[in-house]
Structure formats: structure tokens, C-alpha cells
Amino acid sequence: MVTKRTTLYGAVALLLIAAVSSCGDNSNPTAPSAVTTGALVTTGALAALAPDGVVSLKTGKPVLQSPINNTETQNLTPVLETANSDPNHLPSFDFTYEFEVYEVSADGTMTRVRNPKGVAQTGGSTRHTVSEDLEQSTTHMWRARAEVGDEKGKWSDAATFLTPTLLGIPTPLSPIDGVTTSSTLPVFVVMNGEIPTGVGDVIYEFQVDDDGPSFPTPQVFDANTDPGQTTARLETFLLPDRLYHWRVRAVADSVTSDWSAVQTFSTPNINAGQRTPDPPPGQRLPLPDRAGLIGLVAATYPAELANSCIEEGGSWDFMDLAVTNLRLTDTRWGYNCKRGDCNDISIDVVNYHWGAGPSQGSDEVYPIDIISAVCPGGSQAPSWQDQSEHVDAGALVAWTFPRPGE
């Protein structure tokens, strides 16, 4: 696919095409043209394409199809397509084709940069993919002719196209090389690629996938570029204890860089995370403030929060997501057994074990209400209310993980 763009270089090149087409023609298609060395012929500051040379094939010149008319290609290795030559006095003939591609400089001089030969003809039209990157942001001129071995037909009329201005590929810095992140909401850091002058606003597009390096089902998110390095964060929690692949590319309007090299990382295991050491005898660990984390879980999973009234047939999804992400900060977090009965789990309260020794079954906990107005459903909101006063007053509680039936 190509888009049209007009430049001064392109206008100069189009004038050259008109001049070359008029001077390179021969009224007798079977007669040889003047023999040339194949070098570019320079007239003043402009360079014209070499004439046909010896024409020994009785065939019409091919008609270029794409890219033409100064259109802009999508990448630096465009596909050149020409209609096939019609052989004179024969119903058909299988030719090969020679292509020439020239760079057109600001002053109109041209330099041949590609000259593939022997491209096999295919039905109706013949296509050739340029083998190596052309110079970006540059006007190019190209043409084609039929050939059979050393026998050559007439060159086509020339056509021009423009190569796009490409963005530099960003380089992943973190997380890379299979490292295990400290959170299921990891921070991504990349070294910025080159951003050419005049490109405009550039964003970085990220893909993250746990289904393999081909990214069949990626999570996609964007970030505005920062000076030098860009930092981005997912808006959705990843699954714990998973291997993920990720990559990034630059995007500006219709211009896109190639993808970066693929990197990998693993998310932490919620049962193998950090655990705050036991307090000194007779003391309590302080209660960590995780209100912001619960608010983030609520903002990320509003539907799960709205469906958290178990008594009305809701699900445990929000509570499980909350406990999972709390445990990634400290495995002292768990569920609350109401009245000490671990077959009856609180639907809106989590526990933090502040005491020494094993957590399972302990009543040395801070019970935290994390859902306001959980039932009846319809008005749930994230909360962070310490209910320890009820425990101190004699209410029975107990810590548990995992949740029974989970």
C-alpha cells in the first residue's frame, strides 16, 4: 500500500522522466539504438537515464504499475510491479526482467542504487521486492525492461516514488532477559529510538503476551515518549507466575518503526513472594497502607467490584484479585475467617497477620474492610477501613489462605 506525497525532488524527477522518454524513443522498435556504456549522461546539473542501448528483442516496452506518480511506499523495501511486455509477432513469450532503481538528489542528479536482473515473469504482471533498504525520505526513479539472456528489450518509461521517513526502533531496557518482576503490574522502560526532525508527536506502542513470541493474543497499550528513555505501565494486572513476551515500536501518524527485539519476563508467584519478618516478642508489625493498591484494583476491574455481593449470586473475582495483589507485596495478607470459622469467609474483609509464627489460623491480624456497601449490590466502592477495634473487643477472627474452594 502506498500513499501520495509530492516534493520538489519528485517534481524534478517527473520532469526528467518526460525528457528521458522523449529522447530515448526510436521510431523503429526492431532497430538498435546508439550503443552506450551504460553510464549516466549528465546535462548541466541534471542527470538523465541511459538510453536503451542495443535493442535486440522484438517486444514492446513494459508499462510500470506500482509504485508510480510519486507515491510514498510503506517501507524501504517496496515491491516494484510492471505489466509484462507484449512480444511482437508471437502469442506469448516467457521473458525475464531487468530493473533499475535510482536515487534522485536535491539538485536532480541521479545515482543507480539497485539493478536486479533475471527476475522471472509471472502471469499478467511481474513483481520484484527490493532486496535491501533504500534510503528513507528520498525520491527514487525506476524502470524495467524485458530480457532473454543477453538479449534486451526497450526500457519502460520511468516512474518515481518516495520512501517514507521511518522512526528509530526503541530498545527494551526493563524487564528483560527473563527477570521476575516484583508486581503483576510491571513498569516497562525503553531507550528511545531516533526521532527524525519534523515527524511530529511520537508514541510508543507496546505488546505483552503470555501465549508466545508470535503475540497471538497481546495486551496492547501506548505511552507518550519521555526525553531519552520512556517509562510505561500496564493498565491491567497480569496473571501471577507466568512467562510473558513483550515488544515495542514507535508510531507517528501513518509512520511506524519496526518492532523491537522481543524480550521476556516472569510475573511473581503469590505464594513465594516476600514476607515481612516476625516482630520482636510482645510487639505487633505495623499495618501497611495498601489503600492505593485496592483503589487501583477497583479501577482496573470495575465489573468485578460491582459483582462482589456473594449473597446475591455475585462472584469472588474482586476479592481474589485484591488478595492476589496484596500478597505480591507481602505474603502476610490473606482472607478472613468470620467468627474464626474458616468455612465462612468474609466477602469484603482481608487480614494482615501482624504476629510471629505461622499465619494460617492465627487471630493476630488486622482485619481490613476493602469493599464499601458490598451488599446489596449496586453501590460497591473500594474501601480501606481497619476493623481491629472489633478484634480487640473480643470478636473472633482467623487468617487463612488460600480461600476454601478456590
Protein backbone atom coordinates (compact mmCIF):
# COMPACT_ATOMS: atom_id res chain seq x y z
CA MET A 1 0.00 0.00 0.00
CA VAL A 2 1.29 3.46 -0.87
CA THR A 3 0.22 6.99 -0.14
CA LYS A 4 0.74 10.01 -2.38
CA ARG A 5 3.20 12.70 -1.39
CA THR A 6 4.61 15.49 -3.63
CA THR A 7 8.05 17.04 -3.09
CA LEU A 8 10.40 19.32 -5.00
CA TYR A 9 12.61 16.30 -5.67
CA GLY A 10 9.64 14.42 -7.07
CA ALA A 11 8.73 17.32 -9.37
CA VAL A 12 12.30 17.43 -10.71
CA ALA A 13 12.22 13.67 -11.25
CA LEU A 14 8.94 13.85 -13.17
CA LEU A 15 10.44 16.48 -15.48
CA LEU A 16 13.38 14.16 -16.04
CA ILE A 17 11.02 11.34 -16.98
CA ALA A 18 9.43 13.47 -19.67
CA ALA A 19 12.84 14.42 -21.06
CA VAL A 20 14.17 10.87 -20.99
CA SER A 21 11.04 9.35 -22.54
CA SER A 22 11.17 11.78 -25.48
CA CYS A 23 14.88 11.42 -26.25
CA GLY A 24 15.14 7.67 -25.70
CA ASP A 25 12.42 6.71 -28.18
CA ASN A 26 13.17 5.14 -31.56
CA SER A 27 10.67 5.07 -34.42
CA ASN A 28 11.83 1.57 -35.44
CA PRO A 29 11.40 -0.77 -32.42
CA THR A 30 13.49 -3.50 -34.02
CA ALA A 31 16.43 -1.30 -34.93
CA PRO A 32 19.30 -0.93 -32.46
CA SER A 33 19.67 2.35 -30.60
CA ALA A 34 23.02 4.04 -30.23
CA VAL A 35 25.40 1.89 -28.23
CA THR A 36 26.23 3.35 -24.83
CA THR A 37 28.45 2.44 -21.95
CA GLY A 38 25.52 2.32 -19.54
CA ALA A 39 26.85 5.26 -17.57
CA LEU A 40 24.56 8.15 -16.62
CA VAL A 41 24.60 11.01 -19.09
CA THR A 42 24.88 14.36 -17.35
CA THR A 43 23.48 17.55 -18.80
CA GLY A 44 24.32 20.56 -16.64
CA ALA A 45 23.27 19.84 -13.05
CA LEU A 46 20.78 17.12 -14.02
CA ALA A 47 21.48 13.51 -14.93
CA ALA A 48 19.37 11.63 -17.48
CA LEU A 49 18.85 7.89 -17.55
CA ALA A 50 20.99 5.97 -20.01
CA PRO A 51 19.25 5.26 -23.34
CA ASP A 52 18.08 1.81 -24.35
CA GLY A 53 21.38 0.74 -25.86
CA VAL A 54 21.23 -2.17 -28.31
CA VAL A 55 17.62 -3.38 -28.56
CA SER A 56 17.68 -6.95 -29.79
CA LEU A 57 14.28 -8.22 -28.59
CA LYS A 58 11.25 -7.54 -30.75
CA THR A 59 8.93 -6.75 -27.88
CA GLY A 60 7.07 -3.76 -26.58
CA LYS A 61 8.34 -1.93 -23.56
CA PRO A 62 6.67 -2.86 -20.25
CA VAL A 63 4.28 -0.45 -18.52
CA LEU A 64 5.09 0.27 -14.88
CA GLN A 65 2.18 -0.25 -12.48
CA SER A 66 3.38 0.39 -8.93
CA PRO A 67 4.77 2.44 -7.30
CA ILE A 68 4.23 5.33 -9.71
CA ASN A 69 3.20 9.00 -9.75
CA ASN A 70 5.43 9.98 -6.84
CA THR A 71 3.53 7.83 -4.34
CA GLU A 72 5.05 7.09 -0.95
CA THR A 73 5.83 3.49 -0.07
CA GLN A 74 5.06 1.93 3.29
CA ASN A 75 8.61 0.73 3.87
CA LEU A 76 12.14 0.85 2.48
CA THR A 77 11.87 -2.40 0.50
CA PRO A 78 8.96 -1.70 -1.84
CA VAL A 79 7.52 -4.15 -4.33
CA LEU A 80 8.11 -3.00 -7.93
CA GLU A 81 5.36 -4.20 -10.28
CA THR A 82 5.29 -3.91 -14.06
CA ALA A 83 2.88 -5.13 -16.69
CA ASN A 84 4.55 -7.72 -18.87
CA SER A 85 5.94 -6.86 -22.31
CA ASP A 86 3.92 -7.93 -25.36
CA PRO A 87 6.15 -9.89 -27.75
CA ASN A 88 5.90 -8.81 -31.39
CA HIS A 89 4.52 -11.42 -33.82
CA LEU A 90 4.20 -14.07 -31.07
CA PRO A 91 1.15 -15.05 -28.99
CA SER A 92 3.25 -15.16 -25.80
CA PHE A 93 6.79 -15.44 -24.55
CA ASP A 94 8.30 -16.01 -21.12
CA PHE A 95 10.75 -13.19 -20.50
CA THR A 96 12.81 -12.31 -17.51
CA TYR A 97 13.10 -8.67 -16.46
CA GLU A 98 15.80 -6.23 -15.54
CA PHE A 99 15.00 -3.41 -13.12
CA GLU A 100 16.88 -0.20 -12.33
CA VAL A 101 16.29 1.94 -9.26
CA TYR A 102 17.88 5.39 -8.89
CA GLU A 103 18.11 7.86 -6.03
CA VAL A 104 17.25 11.42 -7.05
CA SER A 105 19.20 14.00 -5.08
CA ALA A 106 18.17 17.56 -4.21
CA ASP A 107 19.87 19.01 -7.31
CA GLY A 108 18.27 16.42 -9.59
CA THR A 109 21.33 14.22 -10.12
CA MET A 110 20.63 10.51 -10.02
CA THR A 111 22.58 7.54 -8.69
CA ARG A 112 21.69 3.97 -9.57
CA VAL A 113 21.30 2.03 -6.32
CA ARG A 114 19.67 -1.26 -7.40
CA ASN A 115 19.91 -3.23 -10.67
CA PRO A 116 18.36 -6.71 -10.33
CA LYS A 117 18.32 -8.86 -13.46
CA GLY A 118 16.75 -12.15 -14.41
CA VAL A 119 13.50 -11.59 -12.48
CA ALA A 120 11.16 -14.34 -13.64
CA GLN A 121 8.00 -13.27 -15.45
CA THR A 122 4.66 -14.18 -13.91
CA GLY A 123 1.15 -14.05 -15.35
CA GLY A 124 -0.09 -10.60 -16.32
CA SER A 125 2.49 -8.66 -14.38
CA THR A 126 5.89 -9.23 -12.82
CA ARG A 127 6.83 -8.18 -9.31
CA HIS A 128 10.19 -7.66 -7.65
CA THR A 129 10.76 -6.83 -3.98
CA VAL A 130 13.74 -4.55 -3.44
CA SER A 131 16.25 -6.69 -1.59
CA GLU A 132 17.80 -4.16 0.80
CA ASP A 133 16.56 -0.99 2.46
CA LEU A 134 16.54 2.08 0.27
CA GLU A 135 17.41 5.48 1.69
CA GLN A 136 14.48 6.87 3.64
CA SER A 137 12.79 10.22 2.91
CA THR A 138 14.14 10.12 -0.65
CA THR A 139 12.71 10.38 -4.16
CA HIS A 140 13.51 7.34 -6.31
CA MET A 141 13.14 6.72 -10.03
CA TRP A 142 12.80 3.26 -11.55
CA ARG A 143 12.22 1.45 -14.82
CA ALA A 144 12.16 -2.09 -16.24
CA ARG A 145 12.76 -3.96 -19.48
CA ALA A 146 12.30 -7.48 -20.83
CA GLU A 147 15.29 -9.71 -21.46
CA VAL A 148 16.20 -13.19 -22.62
CA GLY A 149 19.75 -13.95 -21.59
CA ASP A 150 21.85 -11.13 -23.03
CA GLU A 151 19.10 -10.00 -25.42
CA LYS A 152 17.41 -6.81 -24.23
CA GLY A 153 14.13 -5.08 -24.99
CA LYS A 154 13.29 -1.40 -24.68
CA TRP A 155 13.26 0.27 -21.27
CA SER A 156 9.88 1.26 -19.93
CA ASP A 157 9.02 4.87 -19.31
CA ALA A 158 10.40 5.78 -15.90
CA ALA A 159 8.32 6.35 -12.76
CA THR A 160 9.01 7.89 -9.38
CA PHE A 161 8.17 7.04 -5.80
CA LEU A 162 9.11 8.32 -2.36
CA THR A 163 10.42 6.33 0.57
CA PRO A 164 8.92 7.14 3.98
CA THR A 165 10.55 8.81 6.92
CA LEU A 166 10.99 5.97 9.39
CA LEU A 167 11.26 6.20 13.14
CA GLY A 168 14.13 4.68 15.06
CA ILE A 169 13.34 1.40 16.85
CA PRO A 170 13.15 1.76 20.66
CA THR A 171 15.32 -0.59 22.73
CA PRO A 172 13.78 -2.51 25.68
CA LEU A 173 15.69 -1.90 28.92
CA SER A 174 13.42 -3.41 31.60
CA PRO A 175 12.11 -6.00 32.32
CA ILE A 176 14.34 -8.15 30.10
CA ASP A 177 16.24 -11.45 29.98
CA GLY A 178 13.56 -13.45 31.80
CA VAL A 179 13.75 -11.48 35.08
CA THR A 180 10.94 -11.97 37.61
CA THR A 181 9.11 -8.74 38.30
CA SER A 182 8.08 -7.66 41.78
CA SER A 183 4.50 -7.00 40.69
CA THR A 184 1.87 -8.20 38.23
CA LEU A 185 1.63 -4.56 37.14
CA PRO A 186 5.23 -4.16 35.91
CA VAL A 187 6.89 -0.97 34.72
CA PHE A 188 8.38 -1.05 31.19
CA VAL A 189 11.42 1.08 30.35
CA VAL A 190 12.80 1.59 26.84
CA MET A 191 15.62 3.59 25.32
CA ASN A 192 14.13 5.91 22.72
CA GLY A 193 14.92 5.35 19.06
CA GLU A 194 15.84 8.15 16.69
CA ILE A 195 13.02 10.59 16.02
CA PRO A 196 13.65 12.48 12.76
CA THR A 197 13.02 16.22 12.66
CA GLY A 198 9.53 17.18 11.57
CA VAL A 199 7.89 13.83 12.33
CA GLY A 200 5.55 15.28 14.96
CA ASP A 201 4.23 13.63 18.09
CA VAL A 202 5.52 10.10 18.65
CA ILE A 203 4.01 7.44 20.89
CA TYR A 204 5.34 4.01 21.77
CA GLU A 205 3.05 1.05 21.23
CA PHE A 206 3.66 -1.96 23.50
CA GLN A 207 2.52 -5.56 23.15
CA VAL A 208 2.60 -8.05 26.04
CA ASP A 209 1.55 -11.70 25.64
CA ASP A 210 1.83 -14.94 27.62
CA ASP A 211 0.97 -17.07 24.56
CA GLY A 212 4.39 -16.97 22.95
CA PRO A 213 6.75 -14.75 20.94
CA SER A 214 4.40 -14.53 17.94
CA PHE A 215 1.97 -12.41 20.04
CA PRO A 216 -1.28 -14.18 19.05
CA THR A 217 -3.34 -12.56 21.86
CA PRO A 218 -1.43 -9.48 23.02
CA GLN A 219 -2.39 -6.85 25.52
CA VAL A 220 -1.71 -3.55 23.74
CA PHE A 221 -1.06 -0.19 25.37
CA ASP A 222 0.56 3.11 24.44
CA ALA A 223 2.82 5.64 26.15
CA ASN A 224 3.92 9.13 25.23
CA THR A 225 7.67 9.41 24.79
CA ASP A 226 9.82 10.92 27.53
CA PRO A 227 13.21 12.55 26.83
CA GLY A 228 15.89 9.90 26.29
CA GLN A 229 14.04 6.99 27.91
CA THR A 230 10.34 6.22 28.08
CA THR A 231 8.58 4.58 31.01
CA ALA A 232 5.20 2.90 30.64
CA ARG A 233 2.87 0.87 32.86
CA LEU A 234 0.14 -1.59 32.03
CA GLU A 235 -3.40 -0.61 32.92
CA THR A 236 -4.43 -4.22 33.63
CA PHE A 237 -2.85 -6.67 36.07
CA LEU A 238 -1.06 -9.63 34.55
CA LEU A 239 -1.51 -13.17 35.77
CA PRO A 240 0.90 -14.30 38.51
CA ASP A 241 3.59 -16.91 37.92
CA ARG A 242 3.57 -16.59 34.11
CA LEU A 243 6.23 -16.11 31.43
CA TYR A 244 5.46 -13.09 29.26
CA HIS A 245 6.92 -11.78 26.00
CA TRP A 246 6.91 -8.10 25.09
CA ARG A 247 8.00 -5.73 22.36
CA VAL A 248 7.60 -2.06 21.45
CA ARG A 249 7.57 0.17 18.36
CA ALA A 250 7.31 3.87 17.58
CA VAL A 251 4.22 5.33 15.90
CA ALA A 252 3.67 8.85 14.50
CA ASP A 253 0.60 9.44 12.34
CA SER A 254 0.98 6.92 9.49
CA VAL A 255 4.71 6.34 10.10
CA THR A 256 5.68 3.29 12.15
CA SER A 257 9.04 1.83 13.11
CA ASP A 258 9.79 -1.87 13.07
CA TRP A 259 9.16 -3.82 16.27
CA SER A 260 11.95 -4.02 18.78
CA ALA A 261 13.62 -7.28 19.67
CA VAL A 262 11.31 -9.48 21.77
CA GLN A 263 12.08 -9.62 25.50
CA THR A 264 10.78 -11.89 28.27
CA PHE A 265 9.97 -11.63 31.96
CA SER A 266 8.07 -13.66 34.54
CA THR A 267 5.47 -12.44 36.99
CA PRO A 268 5.91 -13.37 40.67
CA ASN A 269 4.38 -16.37 42.39
CA ILE A 270 1.93 -15.15 45.04
CA ASN A 271 3.00 -17.96 47.38
CA ALA A 272 6.70 -17.31 47.02
CA GLY A 273 6.77 -13.56 47.50
CA GLN A 274 8.35 -11.54 50.26
CA ARG A 275 7.20 -11.92 53.85
CA THR A 276 7.87 -9.26 56.45
CA PRO A 277 10.00 -10.79 59.26
CA ASP A 278 8.33 -11.54 62.58
CA PRO A 279 8.10 -8.70 65.09
CA PRO A 280 10.08 -8.78 68.35
CA PRO A 281 8.35 -10.71 71.17
CA GLY A 282 5.33 -8.89 72.56
CA GLN A 283 5.14 -6.42 69.63
CA ARG A 284 3.00 -6.03 66.53
CA LEU A 285 4.05 -5.32 62.97
CA PRO A 286 2.62 -2.02 61.74
CA LEU A 287 -0.28 -2.17 59.27
CA PRO A 288 0.91 -1.47 55.70
CA ASP A 289 -1.22 1.11 53.92
CA ARG A 290 -2.41 -0.53 50.71
CA ALA A 291 -5.43 1.69 50.09
CA GLY A 292 -3.93 2.89 46.80
CA LEU A 293 -3.48 -0.68 45.59
CA ILE A 294 -7.10 -1.58 46.37
CA GLY A 295 -8.22 1.57 44.55
CA LEU A 296 -6.13 0.52 41.54
CA VAL A 297 -7.62 -2.98 41.53
CA ALA A 298 -11.10 -1.43 41.72
CA ALA A 299 -10.35 0.96 38.85
CA THR A 300 -8.93 -1.88 36.74
CA TYR A 301 -11.77 -4.31 37.45
CA PRO A 302 -14.95 -2.26 37.95
CA ALA A 303 -17.25 -5.04 36.71
CA GLU A 304 -15.79 -7.50 39.21
CA LEU A 305 -16.26 -4.96 42.02
CA ALA A 306 -19.87 -4.37 41.00
CA ASN A 307 -20.48 -8.12 41.08
CA SER A 308 -18.92 -8.75 44.51
CA CYS A 309 -22.10 -9.32 46.56
CA ILE A 310 -21.85 -13.10 47.06
CA GLU A 311 -25.17 -13.14 48.89
CA GLU A 312 -26.90 -12.08 45.67
CA GLY A 313 -25.10 -14.59 43.47
CA GLY A 314 -22.02 -12.45 42.82
CA SER A 315 -18.51 -13.79 42.37
CA TRP A 316 -15.29 -13.89 44.37
CA ASP A 317 -13.35 -12.38 41.47
CA PHE A 318 -12.73 -8.99 43.04
CA MET A 319 -11.73 -10.38 46.44
CA ASP A 320 -9.41 -12.91 44.80
CA LEU A 321 -7.81 -10.21 42.66
CA ALA A 322 -7.36 -8.00 45.71
CA VAL A 323 -5.79 -10.74 47.84
CA THR A 324 -3.55 -11.85 44.96
CA ASN A 325 -2.13 -8.36 44.51
CA LEU A 326 -1.82 -7.76 48.26
CA ARG A 327 0.16 -10.99 48.61
CA LEU A 328 2.55 -9.85 45.92
CA THR A 329 3.59 -7.11 48.34
CA ASP A 330 3.66 -9.36 51.43
CA THR A 331 2.50 -12.96 51.95
CA ARG A 332 1.17 -11.99 55.37
CA TRP A 333 -2.02 -10.93 53.57
CA GLY A 334 -4.87 -13.44 53.41
CA TYR A 335 -8.61 -13.96 53.81
CA ASN A 336 -10.66 -13.50 56.97
CA CYS A 337 -12.47 -16.39 58.63
CA LYS A 338 -15.65 -14.91 60.11
CA ARG A 339 -16.01 -15.68 63.83
CA GLY A 340 -12.95 -17.88 63.45
CA ASP A 341 -14.79 -20.31 61.14
CA CYS A 342 -12.68 -20.84 58.02
CA ASN A 343 -15.63 -22.43 56.24
CA ASP A 344 -17.25 -18.98 56.34
CA ILE A 345 -15.03 -16.40 54.58
CA SER A 346 -15.68 -12.66 54.74
CA ILE A 347 -16.82 -11.35 51.38
CA ASP A 348 -15.37 -7.85 51.93
CA VAL A 349 -12.61 -8.19 54.57
CA VAL A 350 -8.95 -9.23 54.23
CA ASN A 351 -6.48 -9.95 57.04
CA TYR A 352 -2.90 -8.89 57.65
CA HIS A 353 -1.04 -11.16 60.08
CA TRP A 354 0.90 -8.90 62.43
CA GLY A 355 2.20 -11.59 64.80
CA ALA A 356 5.02 -14.12 64.92
CA GLY A 357 4.95 -17.69 63.66
CA PRO A 358 2.70 -19.28 61.05
CA SER A 359 -0.12 -17.19 59.64
CA GLN A 360 -2.60 -19.99 58.98
CA GLY A 361 -5.35 -19.92 61.61
CA SER A 362 -3.81 -17.01 63.54
CA ASP A 363 -6.05 -14.43 65.22
CA GLU A 364 -3.21 -11.90 65.44
CA VAL A 365 -4.48 -9.94 62.47
CA TYR A 366 -5.59 -6.56 61.25
CA PRO A 367 -8.97 -7.13 59.51
CA ILE A 368 -9.41 -4.56 56.73
CA ASP A 369 -12.73 -3.84 55.04
CA ILE A 370 -11.85 -3.29 51.37
CA ILE A 371 -15.36 -3.03 49.85
CA SER A 372 -17.78 -0.38 50.97
CA ALA A 373 -21.50 -1.34 50.81
CA VAL A 374 -20.78 -4.76 49.35
CA CYS A 375 -24.41 -5.85 49.78
CA PRO A 376 -26.95 -5.20 48.50
CA GLY A 377 -25.21 -4.82 45.16
CA GLY A 378 -25.18 -1.70 43.09
CA SER A 379 -23.24 0.77 45.19
CA GLN A 380 -19.97 -1.02 45.93
CA ALA A 381 -16.83 1.11 46.22
CA PRO A 382 -13.22 0.46 47.21
CA SER A 383 -12.53 0.95 50.90
CA TRP A 384 -9.68 0.75 53.43
CA GLN A 385 -11.10 0.57 56.94
CA ASP A 386 -9.22 -1.08 59.79
CA GLN A 387 -11.65 -3.16 61.88
CA SER A 388 -9.12 -4.09 64.58
CA GLU A 389 -11.21 -2.48 67.32
CA HIS A 390 -13.73 -5.30 66.95
CA VAL A 391 -10.99 -7.89 67.37
CA ASP A 392 -9.64 -6.08 70.43
CA ALA A 393 -13.18 -6.11 71.81
CA GLY A 394 -13.29 -9.90 71.57
CA ALA A 395 -14.66 -10.63 68.09
CA LEU A 396 -13.41 -13.96 66.77
CA VAL A 397 -11.35 -13.89 63.56
CA ALA A 398 -8.78 -16.11 61.90
CA TRP A 399 -6.36 -15.80 58.99
CA THR A 400 -6.48 -18.22 56.03
CA PHE A 401 -5.04 -18.72 52.59
CA PRO A 402 -5.95 -19.99 50.09
CA ARG A 403 -9.66 -19.42 50.20
CA PRO A 404 -11.55 -22.68 50.78
CA GLY A 405 -12.94 -23.90 47.48
CA GLU A 406 -10.58 -21.71 45.45
